[in-house]
């Protein structure tokens, strides 16, 4: 028998895929398929040297909405991660609060401007009991407080390492809801690393304690 919670989750997931605000984030694949003449070769996965990726890197550099800290990071990976986060799978649709700066909401016919203070800081109440997490790096430089290995585990399996309620489908096997991790899991290893590298480079948002003395 389907429980009330399961019905609510099913309806909520359907509403996300139907909603204009998060259609791209929740319903589309994380990256568009490569043209047939390019393919997704081993060189693309490991070296990232093909022309298609070079184009994504250039775009990712251009569209990054916040200042990036590139110290000790791979700039190409950071900008590729920016492309993934801001173009093909806009994380800001769900994880920013607020998403748009004052006067910068394109859905109101205004020039598009993301709110820098709200960018990826989590806390949106748009999905009922499922509250998007803060993806910005903490004082230790860890996005959402996750190491790379933990981040990859979440992306690949959907496991909720922070174990915050509600627990779905069970307390023992708690999986993230709304977040399209089944789609992100199909990205290449390089793309997943790039997304993590980008999240390491964005500014911390949250309490003074979380950010080590800044917001």
N, C-alpha and C. Protein backbone atom coordinates (compact mmCIF):
# COMPACT_ATOMS: atom_id res chain seq x y z
N UNK A 1 0.85 -1.19 0.00
CA UNK A 1 0.00 0.00 0.00
C UNK A 1 0.89 1.24 0.00
N UNK A 2 0.55 2.18 -0.85
CA UNK A 2 1.33 3.42 -0.92
C UNK A 2 0.97 4.30 0.25
N UNK A 3 1.97 4.74 0.98
CA UNK A 3 1.72 5.59 2.14
C UNK A 3 1.42 7.01 1.70
N UNK A 4 0.92 7.78 2.65
CA UNK A 4 0.62 9.18 2.38
C UNK A 4 1.89 9.92 1.98
N UNK A 5 3.01 9.63 2.69
CA UNK A 5 4.27 10.29 2.38
C UNK A 5 4.72 9.94 0.97
N UNK A 6 4.58 8.66 0.56
CA UNK A 6 4.99 8.27 -0.78
C UNK A 6 4.16 8.99 -1.83
N UNK A 7 2.84 9.13 -1.58
CA UNK A 7 2.00 9.86 -2.53
C UNK A 7 2.46 11.31 -2.63
N UNK A 8 2.78 11.91 -1.49
CA UNK A 8 3.22 13.31 -1.49
C UNK A 8 4.51 13.47 -2.26
N UNK A 9 5.44 12.52 -2.06
CA UNK A 9 6.73 12.61 -2.76
C UNK A 9 6.53 12.46 -4.26
N UNK A 10 5.68 11.50 -4.66
CA UNK A 10 5.41 11.30 -6.08
C UNK A 10 4.82 12.56 -6.71
N UNK A 11 3.84 13.16 -6.02
CA UNK A 11 3.22 14.37 -6.55
C UNK A 11 4.21 15.51 -6.61
N UNK A 12 5.08 15.60 -5.59
CA UNK A 12 6.05 16.69 -5.55
C UNK A 12 7.07 16.55 -6.66
N UNK A 13 7.55 15.33 -6.89
CA UNK A 13 8.49 15.12 -7.99
C UNK A 13 7.86 15.45 -9.32
N UNK A 14 6.59 15.09 -9.51
CA UNK A 14 5.90 15.42 -10.76
C UNK A 14 5.75 16.92 -10.92
N UNK A 15 5.46 17.60 -9.80
CA UNK A 15 5.28 19.05 -9.90
C UNK A 15 6.57 19.74 -10.24
N UNK A 16 7.71 19.21 -9.75
CA UNK A 16 9.00 19.80 -10.10
C UNK A 16 9.25 19.70 -11.59
N UNK A 17 8.95 18.54 -12.15
CA UNK A 17 9.18 18.35 -13.58
C UNK A 17 8.19 19.13 -14.43
N UNK A 18 7.07 19.51 -13.84
CA UNK A 18 6.09 20.29 -14.59
C UNK A 18 6.29 21.78 -14.43
N UNK A 19 7.00 22.19 -13.36
CA UNK A 19 7.16 23.61 -13.07
C UNK A 19 8.15 24.28 -13.97
N UNK A 20 7.81 25.48 -14.42
CA UNK A 20 8.69 26.19 -15.34
C UNK A 20 9.99 26.57 -14.69
N UNK A 21 9.97 26.85 -13.38
CA UNK A 21 11.16 27.37 -12.72
C UNK A 21 12.27 26.35 -12.67
N UNK A 22 11.93 25.05 -12.48
CA UNK A 22 12.97 24.06 -12.29
C UNK A 22 12.94 22.98 -13.34
N UNK A 23 12.32 23.23 -14.47
CA UNK A 23 12.23 22.21 -15.50
C UNK A 23 13.60 21.76 -15.96
N UNK A 24 14.49 22.70 -16.24
CA UNK A 24 15.80 22.33 -16.75
C UNK A 24 16.57 21.56 -15.70
N UNK A 25 16.48 22.00 -14.45
CA UNK A 25 17.27 21.40 -13.38
C UNK A 25 16.82 19.98 -13.09
N UNK A 26 15.52 19.77 -13.00
CA UNK A 26 15.03 18.49 -12.51
C UNK A 26 14.70 17.50 -13.59
N UNK A 27 14.47 17.95 -14.81
CA UNK A 27 13.96 17.05 -15.82
C UNK A 27 14.91 16.78 -16.96
N UNK A 28 15.82 17.68 -17.22
CA UNK A 28 16.75 17.49 -18.32
C UNK A 28 17.98 16.75 -17.84
N UNK A 29 18.73 16.16 -18.78
CA UNK A 29 19.97 15.50 -18.43
C UNK A 29 21.01 16.54 -18.07
N UNK A 30 21.99 16.17 -17.20
CA UNK A 30 22.97 17.15 -16.75
C UNK A 30 23.78 17.76 -17.87
N UNK A 31 24.07 17.02 -18.90
CA UNK A 31 24.80 17.57 -20.04
C UNK A 31 24.15 17.09 -21.32
N UNK A 32 24.07 17.91 -22.35
CA UNK A 32 23.51 17.46 -23.61
C UNK A 32 24.39 16.39 -24.22
N UNK A 33 23.78 15.44 -24.97
CA UNK A 33 24.60 14.40 -25.59
C UNK A 33 25.57 15.00 -26.59
N UNK A 34 26.77 14.42 -26.63
CA UNK A 34 27.76 14.92 -27.58
C UNK A 34 27.34 14.56 -29.00
N UNK A 35 27.63 15.39 -30.00
CA UNK A 35 27.33 15.06 -31.39
C UNK A 35 27.98 13.74 -31.76
N UNK A 36 27.37 13.03 -32.70
CA UNK A 36 27.83 11.70 -33.04
C UNK A 36 29.28 11.71 -33.54
N UNK A 37 29.68 12.78 -34.24
CA UNK A 37 31.03 12.79 -34.78
C UNK A 37 32.08 13.00 -33.71
N UNK A 38 31.65 13.43 -32.49
CA UNK A 38 32.61 13.61 -31.41
C UNK A 38 32.66 12.39 -30.50
N UNK A 39 31.46 11.93 -30.08
CA UNK A 39 31.39 10.82 -29.16
C UNK A 39 31.90 11.21 -27.78
N UNK A 40 31.90 10.25 -26.88
CA UNK A 40 32.41 10.46 -25.53
C UNK A 40 33.55 9.47 -25.33
N UNK A 41 34.68 9.80 -25.91
CA UNK A 41 35.83 8.91 -25.91
C UNK A 41 36.51 8.90 -24.56
N UNK A 42 37.47 7.95 -24.42
CA UNK A 42 38.27 7.91 -23.19
C UNK A 42 39.03 9.20 -23.00
N UNK A 43 39.46 9.82 -24.10
CA UNK A 43 40.18 11.09 -24.00
C UNK A 43 39.29 12.17 -23.41
N UNK A 44 37.99 12.11 -23.76
CA UNK A 44 37.06 13.11 -23.20
C UNK A 44 36.90 12.92 -21.70
N UNK A 45 36.77 11.64 -21.29
CA UNK A 45 36.55 11.36 -19.87
C UNK A 45 37.78 11.71 -19.05
N UNK A 46 38.94 11.34 -19.53
CA UNK A 46 40.15 11.48 -18.72
C UNK A 46 40.90 12.78 -18.98
N UNK A 47 40.94 13.22 -20.23
CA UNK A 47 41.75 14.38 -20.54
C UNK A 47 40.97 15.63 -20.78
N UNK A 48 39.72 15.50 -21.21
CA UNK A 48 38.87 16.65 -21.43
C UNK A 48 39.43 17.59 -22.48
N UNK A 49 40.04 17.05 -23.56
CA UNK A 49 40.72 17.92 -24.52
C UNK A 49 39.93 18.17 -25.78
N UNK A 50 38.70 17.63 -25.90
CA UNK A 50 37.99 17.79 -27.16
C UNK A 50 37.40 19.19 -27.28
N UNK A 51 37.03 19.53 -28.51
CA UNK A 51 36.54 20.88 -28.80
C UNK A 51 35.25 21.18 -28.07
N UNK A 52 34.39 20.16 -27.90
CA UNK A 52 33.12 20.37 -27.22
C UNK A 52 33.35 20.83 -25.78
N UNK A 53 34.28 20.18 -25.08
CA UNK A 53 34.55 20.58 -23.70
C UNK A 53 35.18 21.96 -23.64
N UNK A 54 36.06 22.26 -24.58
CA UNK A 54 36.69 23.59 -24.61
C UNK A 54 35.64 24.68 -24.71
N UNK A 55 34.61 24.43 -25.50
CA UNK A 55 33.53 25.40 -25.64
C UNK A 55 32.77 25.56 -24.33
N UNK A 56 32.52 24.45 -23.65
CA UNK A 56 31.81 24.50 -22.37
C UNK A 56 32.62 25.26 -21.32
N UNK A 57 33.93 25.05 -21.36
CA UNK A 57 34.80 25.75 -20.41
C UNK A 57 34.73 27.26 -20.64
N UNK A 58 34.77 27.69 -21.89
CA UNK A 58 34.69 29.13 -22.19
C UNK A 58 33.37 29.71 -21.72
N UNK A 59 32.28 29.00 -21.97
CA UNK A 59 30.97 29.48 -21.55
C UNK A 59 30.88 29.50 -20.03
N UNK A 60 31.36 28.45 -19.38
CA UNK A 60 31.31 28.39 -17.92
C UNK A 60 32.06 29.54 -17.28
N UNK A 61 33.18 29.92 -17.86
CA UNK A 61 33.94 31.07 -17.34
C UNK A 61 33.14 32.35 -17.47
N UNK A 62 32.42 32.47 -18.59
CA UNK A 62 31.68 33.70 -18.86
C UNK A 62 30.43 33.85 -18.00
N UNK A 63 29.80 32.73 -17.63
CA UNK A 63 28.50 32.82 -16.95
C UNK A 63 28.58 32.69 -15.44
N UNK A 64 29.76 32.41 -14.88
CA UNK A 64 29.86 32.27 -13.43
C UNK A 64 29.29 33.51 -12.75
N UNK A 65 28.27 33.38 -11.90
CA UNK A 65 27.57 34.55 -11.37
C UNK A 65 28.18 35.16 -10.11
N UNK A 66 29.19 34.50 -9.55
CA UNK A 66 29.82 35.00 -8.31
C UNK A 66 31.33 34.98 -8.49
N UNK A 67 32.05 35.78 -7.71
CA UNK A 67 33.51 35.73 -7.76
C UNK A 67 34.01 34.34 -7.38
N UNK A 68 35.04 33.87 -8.06
CA UNK A 68 35.56 32.52 -7.82
C UNK A 68 36.97 32.60 -7.24
N UNK A 69 37.23 31.75 -6.27
CA UNK A 69 38.56 31.62 -5.70
C UNK A 69 39.27 30.48 -6.40
N UNK A 70 40.22 30.80 -7.27
CA UNK A 70 40.91 29.78 -8.06
C UNK A 70 42.21 29.32 -7.42
N UNK A 71 42.55 29.85 -6.27
CA UNK A 71 43.81 29.49 -5.64
C UNK A 71 43.83 28.00 -5.28
N UNK A 72 44.84 27.30 -5.77
CA UNK A 72 44.98 25.89 -5.49
C UNK A 72 43.99 25.00 -6.22
N UNK A 73 43.35 25.55 -7.26
CA UNK A 73 42.34 24.79 -7.99
C UNK A 73 42.69 24.73 -9.47
N UNK A 74 42.09 23.82 -10.17
CA UNK A 74 42.27 23.67 -11.62
C UNK A 74 41.26 24.57 -12.32
N UNK A 75 41.70 25.70 -12.93
CA UNK A 75 40.74 26.63 -13.53
C UNK A 75 39.84 25.99 -14.58
N UNK A 76 40.40 25.12 -15.40
CA UNK A 76 39.57 24.48 -16.43
C UNK A 76 38.46 23.64 -15.82
N UNK A 77 38.78 22.92 -14.76
CA UNK A 77 37.75 22.14 -14.08
C UNK A 77 36.72 23.05 -13.43
N UNK A 78 37.17 24.14 -12.83
CA UNK A 78 36.25 25.09 -12.20
C UNK A 78 35.26 25.62 -13.23
N UNK A 79 35.75 26.05 -14.38
CA UNK A 79 34.87 26.65 -15.38
C UNK A 79 33.98 25.60 -16.06
N UNK A 80 34.50 24.38 -16.22
CA UNK A 80 33.63 23.31 -16.72
C UNK A 80 32.52 23.05 -15.70
N UNK A 81 32.88 23.05 -14.42
CA UNK A 81 31.86 22.87 -13.38
C UNK A 81 30.86 24.00 -13.37
N UNK A 82 31.31 25.22 -13.67
CA UNK A 82 30.39 26.35 -13.76
C UNK A 82 29.39 26.14 -14.89
N UNK A 83 29.86 25.61 -15.99
CA UNK A 83 28.95 25.32 -17.11
C UNK A 83 27.88 24.31 -16.68
N UNK A 84 28.31 23.26 -16.00
CA UNK A 84 27.36 22.24 -15.56
C UNK A 84 26.36 22.82 -14.57
N UNK A 85 26.86 23.59 -13.60
CA UNK A 85 26.00 24.11 -12.53
C UNK A 85 25.08 25.22 -12.99
N UNK A 86 25.53 26.03 -13.96
CA UNK A 86 24.80 27.25 -14.30
C UNK A 86 24.11 27.23 -15.66
N UNK A 87 24.44 26.26 -16.50
CA UNK A 87 23.86 26.24 -17.85
C UNK A 87 23.00 25.00 -18.06
N UNK A 88 23.60 23.82 -17.95
CA UNK A 88 22.84 22.62 -18.29
C UNK A 88 22.03 22.06 -17.13
N UNK A 89 22.46 22.30 -15.91
CA UNK A 89 21.75 21.80 -14.73
C UNK A 89 21.72 22.88 -13.67
N UNK A 90 20.96 23.94 -13.90
CA UNK A 90 21.06 25.10 -13.01
C UNK A 90 20.75 24.77 -11.55
N UNK A 91 21.78 24.58 -10.78
CA UNK A 91 21.62 24.27 -9.35
C UNK A 91 20.90 25.39 -8.61
N UNK A 92 21.06 26.62 -9.13
CA UNK A 92 20.48 27.78 -8.45
C UNK A 92 18.96 27.73 -8.40
N UNK A 93 18.33 27.04 -9.32
CA UNK A 93 16.87 26.97 -9.33
C UNK A 93 16.32 26.45 -8.01
N UNK A 94 17.02 25.48 -7.43
CA UNK A 94 16.54 24.88 -6.18
C UNK A 94 17.34 25.31 -4.97
N UNK A 95 18.65 25.50 -5.14
CA UNK A 95 19.53 25.67 -3.99
C UNK A 95 19.80 27.12 -3.62
N UNK A 96 19.26 28.09 -4.36
CA UNK A 96 19.47 29.49 -4.01
C UNK A 96 18.25 30.07 -3.31
N UNK A 97 18.51 30.94 -2.36
CA UNK A 97 17.42 31.57 -1.61
C UNK A 97 17.86 32.93 -1.11
N UNK A 98 17.42 34.01 -1.79
CA UNK A 98 16.60 34.00 -3.01
C UNK A 98 17.45 33.68 -4.24
N UNK A 99 16.76 33.32 -5.32
CA UNK A 99 17.49 33.02 -6.55
C UNK A 99 17.87 34.28 -7.32
N UNK A 100 16.91 35.22 -7.43
CA UNK A 100 17.12 36.39 -8.28
C UNK A 100 17.36 37.64 -7.45
N UNK A 101 18.26 38.48 -7.93
CA UNK A 101 18.48 39.77 -7.29
C UNK A 101 17.27 40.67 -7.52
N UNK A 102 17.12 41.68 -6.69
CA UNK A 102 16.03 42.63 -6.88
C UNK A 102 16.14 43.26 -8.27
N UNK A 103 15.06 43.18 -9.03
CA UNK A 103 15.06 43.71 -10.38
C UNK A 103 15.73 42.81 -11.40
N UNK A 104 16.10 41.58 -10.99
CA UNK A 104 16.82 40.68 -11.89
C UNK A 104 16.11 39.38 -12.18
N UNK A 105 14.78 39.36 -12.04
CA UNK A 105 14.02 38.13 -12.27
C UNK A 105 13.55 38.07 -13.72
N UNK A 106 14.13 37.19 -14.54
CA UNK A 106 13.74 37.13 -15.95
C UNK A 106 12.29 36.70 -16.16
N UNK A 107 11.72 35.99 -15.17
CA UNK A 107 10.32 35.57 -15.30
C UNK A 107 9.36 36.75 -15.15
N UNK A 108 9.89 37.88 -14.71
CA UNK A 108 9.09 39.10 -14.63
C UNK A 108 9.49 40.08 -15.74
N UNK A 109 10.23 39.58 -16.72
CA UNK A 109 10.64 40.43 -17.83
C UNK A 109 11.82 41.31 -17.51
N UNK A 110 12.56 40.99 -16.47
CA UNK A 110 13.71 41.80 -16.06
C UNK A 110 15.01 41.14 -16.54
N UNK A 111 16.06 41.92 -16.71
CA UNK A 111 17.36 41.33 -17.08
C UNK A 111 17.81 40.34 -16.02
N UNK A 112 18.28 39.19 -16.45
CA UNK A 112 18.62 38.10 -15.52
C UNK A 112 19.83 38.44 -14.67
N UNK A 113 19.64 38.47 -13.34
CA UNK A 113 20.73 38.69 -12.39
C UNK A 113 20.48 37.80 -11.17
N UNK A 114 21.38 36.85 -10.93
CA UNK A 114 21.26 36.01 -9.75
C UNK A 114 21.66 36.78 -8.49
N UNK A 115 21.00 36.45 -7.39
CA UNK A 115 21.32 37.08 -6.11
C UNK A 115 22.60 36.46 -5.56
N UNK A 116 23.66 37.25 -5.44
CA UNK A 116 24.95 36.70 -5.04
C UNK A 116 24.95 36.20 -3.61
N UNK A 117 24.25 36.87 -2.72
CA UNK A 117 24.22 36.43 -1.33
C UNK A 117 23.40 35.15 -1.15
N UNK A 118 22.40 34.97 -1.99
CA UNK A 118 21.55 33.79 -1.87
C UNK A 118 22.02 32.62 -2.71
N UNK A 119 23.05 32.82 -3.53
CA UNK A 119 23.48 31.81 -4.50
C UNK A 119 23.95 30.52 -3.81
N UNK A 120 23.19 29.46 -4.04
CA UNK A 120 23.50 28.10 -3.58
C UNK A 120 23.61 27.97 -2.06
N UNK A 121 22.99 28.90 -1.32
CA UNK A 121 23.07 28.82 0.14
C UNK A 121 21.99 27.94 0.74
N UNK A 122 21.07 27.42 -0.10
CA UNK A 122 20.04 26.52 0.39
C UNK A 122 18.95 27.25 1.16
N UNK A 123 18.07 26.46 1.78
CA UNK A 123 17.05 27.02 2.65
C UNK A 123 15.72 27.35 2.01
N UNK A 124 15.56 27.11 0.71
CA UNK A 124 14.29 27.39 0.06
C UNK A 124 13.18 26.53 0.65
N UNK A 125 11.99 27.11 0.75
CA UNK A 125 10.82 26.38 1.27
C UNK A 125 9.89 25.93 0.13
N UNK A 126 10.42 25.87 -1.07
CA UNK A 126 9.57 25.60 -2.24
C UNK A 126 9.12 24.14 -2.33
N UNK A 127 9.77 23.24 -1.58
CA UNK A 127 9.49 21.82 -1.74
C UNK A 127 8.99 21.17 -0.46
N UNK A 128 8.22 21.92 0.29
CA UNK A 128 7.62 21.35 1.49
C UNK A 128 8.67 20.91 2.49
N UNK A 129 8.60 19.65 2.93
CA UNK A 129 9.54 19.19 3.97
C UNK A 129 10.96 18.96 3.46
N UNK A 130 11.15 18.99 2.13
CA UNK A 130 12.46 18.74 1.56
C UNK A 130 13.17 20.08 1.31
N UNK A 131 14.08 20.43 2.19
CA UNK A 131 14.75 21.73 2.15
C UNK A 131 16.09 21.58 1.43
N UNK A 132 16.31 22.31 0.32
CA UNK A 132 17.58 22.23 -0.39
C UNK A 132 18.75 22.61 0.52
N UNK A 133 19.85 21.90 0.37
CA UNK A 133 21.01 22.09 1.23
C UNK A 133 21.88 23.27 0.75
N UNK A 134 22.69 23.75 1.67
CA UNK A 134 23.68 24.77 1.36
C UNK A 134 24.85 24.09 0.65
N UNK A 135 25.08 24.43 -0.62
CA UNK A 135 26.13 23.79 -1.40
C UNK A 135 27.45 24.55 -1.35
N UNK A 136 27.46 25.73 -0.74
CA UNK A 136 28.69 26.52 -0.72
C UNK A 136 29.72 25.87 0.21
N UNK A 137 31.00 26.17 -0.01
CA UNK A 137 32.03 25.56 0.84
C UNK A 137 32.02 26.14 2.25
N UNK A 138 32.31 25.29 3.23
CA UNK A 138 32.39 25.76 4.61
C UNK A 138 33.77 26.34 4.88
N UNK A 139 34.07 26.62 6.14
CA UNK A 139 35.35 27.23 6.49
C UNK A 139 36.54 26.34 6.13
N UNK A 140 36.30 25.05 6.01
CA UNK A 140 37.36 24.12 5.61
C UNK A 140 37.44 23.95 4.09
N UNK A 141 36.60 24.69 3.37
CA UNK A 141 36.63 24.63 1.91
C UNK A 141 35.89 23.45 1.32
N UNK A 142 35.02 22.82 2.09
CA UNK A 142 34.30 21.63 1.63
C UNK A 142 32.88 22.00 1.20
N UNK A 143 32.53 21.84 -0.07
CA UNK A 143 31.17 22.15 -0.52
C UNK A 143 30.13 21.31 0.22
N UNK A 144 29.14 21.98 0.79
CA UNK A 144 28.11 21.30 1.58
C UNK A 144 28.73 20.50 2.72
N UNK A 145 29.98 20.80 3.07
CA UNK A 145 30.65 20.06 4.13
C UNK A 145 31.10 18.68 3.73
N UNK A 146 31.16 18.40 2.41
CA UNK A 146 31.47 17.06 1.91
C UNK A 146 32.87 17.01 1.30
N UNK A 147 33.60 15.94 1.59
CA UNK A 147 34.84 15.67 0.88
C UNK A 147 34.49 15.24 -0.54
N UNK A 148 35.50 15.17 -1.40
CA UNK A 148 35.25 14.73 -2.78
C UNK A 148 34.64 13.33 -2.80
N UNK A 149 35.18 12.42 -2.01
CA UNK A 149 34.65 11.06 -1.99
C UNK A 149 33.20 11.04 -1.53
N UNK A 150 32.88 11.84 -0.51
CA UNK A 150 31.50 11.89 -0.03
C UNK A 150 30.58 12.51 -1.09
N UNK A 151 31.06 13.56 -1.74
CA UNK A 151 30.28 14.20 -2.80
C UNK A 151 29.97 13.20 -3.92
N UNK A 152 30.97 12.44 -4.33
CA UNK A 152 30.76 11.46 -5.40
C UNK A 152 29.79 10.37 -4.96
N UNK A 153 29.86 9.98 -3.69
CA UNK A 153 28.92 8.98 -3.17
C UNK A 153 27.49 9.50 -3.25
N UNK A 154 27.29 10.76 -2.87
CA UNK A 154 25.95 11.35 -2.93
C UNK A 154 25.47 11.45 -4.37
N UNK A 155 26.33 11.94 -5.27
CA UNK A 155 25.96 12.10 -6.68
C UNK A 155 25.61 10.76 -7.31
N UNK A 156 26.34 9.72 -6.95
CA UNK A 156 26.17 8.41 -7.59
C UNK A 156 25.07 7.57 -7.00
N UNK A 157 24.76 7.77 -5.72
CA UNK A 157 23.79 6.88 -5.06
C UNK A 157 22.59 7.60 -4.47
N UNK A 158 22.70 8.94 -4.26
CA UNK A 158 21.60 9.67 -3.66
C UNK A 158 21.51 9.54 -2.15
N UNK A 159 22.45 8.85 -1.52
CA UNK A 159 22.39 8.66 -0.07
C UNK A 159 22.49 10.01 0.63
N UNK A 160 21.66 10.19 1.66
CA UNK A 160 21.68 11.42 2.45
C UNK A 160 22.63 11.22 3.62
N UNK A 161 23.87 11.67 3.46
CA UNK A 161 24.88 11.46 4.49
C UNK A 161 24.58 12.27 5.75
N UNK A 162 23.77 13.33 5.61
CA UNK A 162 23.45 14.15 6.78
C UNK A 162 22.22 13.65 7.51
N UNK A 163 21.53 12.70 6.90
CA UNK A 163 20.42 12.01 7.55
C UNK A 163 19.43 12.98 8.19
N UNK A 164 18.90 13.85 7.38
CA UNK A 164 17.90 14.80 7.87
C UNK A 164 16.51 14.35 7.44
N UNK A 165 15.52 14.44 8.32
CA UNK A 165 14.17 14.01 7.96
C UNK A 165 13.55 14.94 6.92
N UNK A 166 12.51 14.46 6.21
CA UNK A 166 11.93 13.11 6.29
C UNK A 166 12.81 12.06 5.64
N UNK A 167 12.73 10.83 6.17
CA UNK A 167 13.57 9.73 5.70
C UNK A 167 12.80 8.93 4.65
N UNK A 168 13.34 8.94 3.44
CA UNK A 168 12.66 8.27 2.33
C UNK A 168 13.67 7.41 1.58
N UNK A 169 13.36 6.15 1.28
CA UNK A 169 12.11 5.46 1.60
C UNK A 169 12.03 4.92 3.02
N UNK A 170 13.17 4.97 3.77
CA UNK A 170 13.15 4.48 5.14
C UNK A 170 14.30 5.12 5.90
N UNK A 171 14.26 4.98 7.23
CA UNK A 171 15.34 5.51 8.06
C UNK A 171 16.65 4.81 7.72
N UNK A 172 16.58 3.51 7.47
CA UNK A 172 17.78 2.73 7.20
C UNK A 172 18.35 3.01 5.81
N UNK A 173 17.51 3.41 4.88
CA UNK A 173 17.95 3.62 3.49
C UNK A 173 17.45 4.99 3.02
N UNK A 174 18.00 6.02 3.63
CA UNK A 174 17.52 7.39 3.39
C UNK A 174 18.16 7.96 2.11
N UNK A 175 17.32 8.34 1.15
CA UNK A 175 17.79 8.87 -0.13
C UNK A 175 17.28 10.30 -0.33
N UNK A 176 18.11 11.12 -0.96
CA UNK A 176 17.73 12.48 -1.27
C UNK A 176 16.57 12.50 -2.26
N UNK A 177 15.58 13.35 -2.00
CA UNK A 177 14.44 13.52 -2.87
C UNK A 177 14.56 14.85 -3.62
N UNK A 178 13.84 14.97 -4.74
CA UNK A 178 13.82 16.17 -5.59
C UNK A 178 15.13 16.33 -6.34
N UNK A 179 16.27 16.31 -5.65
CA UNK A 179 17.56 16.42 -6.35
C UNK A 179 17.69 15.31 -7.38
N UNK A 180 18.00 15.66 -8.64
CA UNK A 180 18.05 14.64 -9.70
C UNK A 180 19.37 13.88 -9.74
N UNK A 181 19.74 13.28 -8.60
CA UNK A 181 21.00 12.53 -8.58
C UNK A 181 21.00 11.33 -9.54
N UNK A 182 19.84 10.70 -9.87
CA UNK A 182 19.91 9.62 -10.86
C UNK A 182 20.42 10.11 -12.22
N UNK A 183 20.19 11.39 -12.54
CA UNK A 183 20.70 11.93 -13.79
C UNK A 183 22.17 12.34 -13.65
N UNK A 184 22.50 12.97 -12.54
CA UNK A 184 23.89 13.37 -12.32
C UNK A 184 24.82 12.16 -12.28
N UNK A 185 24.31 11.04 -11.83
CA UNK A 185 25.16 9.84 -11.72
C UNK A 185 25.64 9.37 -13.09
N UNK A 186 24.97 9.79 -14.16
CA UNK A 186 25.37 9.40 -15.51
C UNK A 186 26.46 10.29 -16.10
N UNK A 187 26.84 11.36 -15.40
CA UNK A 187 27.92 12.19 -15.89
C UNK A 187 29.24 11.42 -15.85
N UNK A 188 30.21 11.88 -16.63
CA UNK A 188 31.53 11.26 -16.57
C UNK A 188 32.19 11.61 -15.23
N UNK A 189 33.22 10.84 -14.89
CA UNK A 189 33.95 11.13 -13.65
C UNK A 189 34.54 12.54 -13.70
N UNK A 190 35.02 12.94 -14.86
CA UNK A 190 35.61 14.28 -14.99
C UNK A 190 34.56 15.36 -14.74
N UNK A 191 33.37 15.18 -15.26
CA UNK A 191 32.31 16.16 -15.06
C UNK A 191 31.91 16.26 -13.59
N UNK A 192 31.85 15.13 -12.90
CA UNK A 192 31.54 15.15 -11.48
C UNK A 192 32.63 15.86 -10.68
N UNK A 193 33.89 15.59 -11.02
CA UNK A 193 34.99 16.27 -10.35
C UNK A 193 34.95 17.77 -10.64
N UNK A 194 34.56 18.12 -11.88
CA UNK A 194 34.48 19.53 -12.25
C UNK A 194 33.41 20.25 -11.44
N UNK A 195 32.28 19.62 -11.25
CA UNK A 195 31.22 20.23 -10.46
C UNK A 195 31.70 20.47 -9.03
N UNK A 196 32.39 19.50 -8.47
CA UNK A 196 32.92 19.66 -7.11
C UNK A 196 33.95 20.77 -7.06
N UNK A 197 34.82 20.84 -8.05
CA UNK A 197 35.85 21.88 -8.08
C UNK A 197 35.22 23.27 -8.17
N UNK A 198 34.15 23.39 -8.95
CA UNK A 198 33.45 24.67 -9.04
C UNK A 198 32.84 25.05 -7.69
N UNK A 199 32.20 24.11 -7.03
CA UNK A 199 31.59 24.41 -5.74
C UNK A 199 32.64 24.76 -4.69
N UNK A 200 33.84 24.24 -4.83
CA UNK A 200 34.93 24.63 -3.92
C UNK A 200 35.35 26.08 -4.13
N UNK A 201 35.11 26.58 -5.34
CA UNK A 201 35.61 27.91 -5.71
C UNK A 201 34.64 29.05 -5.42
N UNK A 202 33.37 28.74 -5.18
CA UNK A 202 32.40 29.81 -4.95
C UNK A 202 32.50 30.30 -3.51
N UNK A 203 31.97 31.49 -3.22
CA UNK A 203 32.06 32.02 -1.84
C UNK A 203 31.20 31.23 -0.87
N UNK A 204 31.68 31.15 0.36
CA UNK A 204 30.88 30.56 1.44
C UNK A 204 29.70 31.47 1.74
N UNK A 205 28.57 30.86 2.01
CA UNK A 205 27.38 31.59 2.44
C UNK A 205 26.81 30.88 3.66
N UNK A 206 26.42 31.66 4.65
CA UNK A 206 25.86 31.09 5.86
C UNK A 206 26.32 31.85 7.08
N UNK A 207 26.33 31.17 8.21
CA UNK A 207 26.67 31.83 9.47
C UNK A 207 28.15 32.15 9.54
N UNK A 208 28.50 33.03 10.46
CA UNK A 208 29.90 33.37 10.67
C UNK A 208 30.71 32.14 11.09
N UNK A 209 30.10 31.30 11.91
CA UNK A 209 30.79 30.09 12.35
C UNK A 209 31.04 29.15 11.17
N UNK A 210 30.07 29.03 10.28
CA UNK A 210 30.21 28.15 9.13
C UNK A 210 31.29 28.63 8.18
N UNK A 211 31.39 29.93 8.00
CA UNK A 211 32.29 30.50 7.00
C UNK A 211 33.61 30.97 7.59
N UNK A 212 33.82 30.74 8.86
CA UNK A 212 35.09 31.09 9.45
C UNK A 212 35.33 32.56 9.61
N UNK A 213 34.26 33.32 9.92
CA UNK A 213 34.41 34.73 10.17
C UNK A 213 33.84 35.62 9.10
N UNK A 214 33.26 35.04 8.04
CA UNK A 214 32.64 35.84 6.98
C UNK A 214 31.35 35.22 6.53
N UNK A 215 30.59 35.97 5.74
CA UNK A 215 29.33 35.45 5.22
C UNK A 215 29.42 35.31 3.72
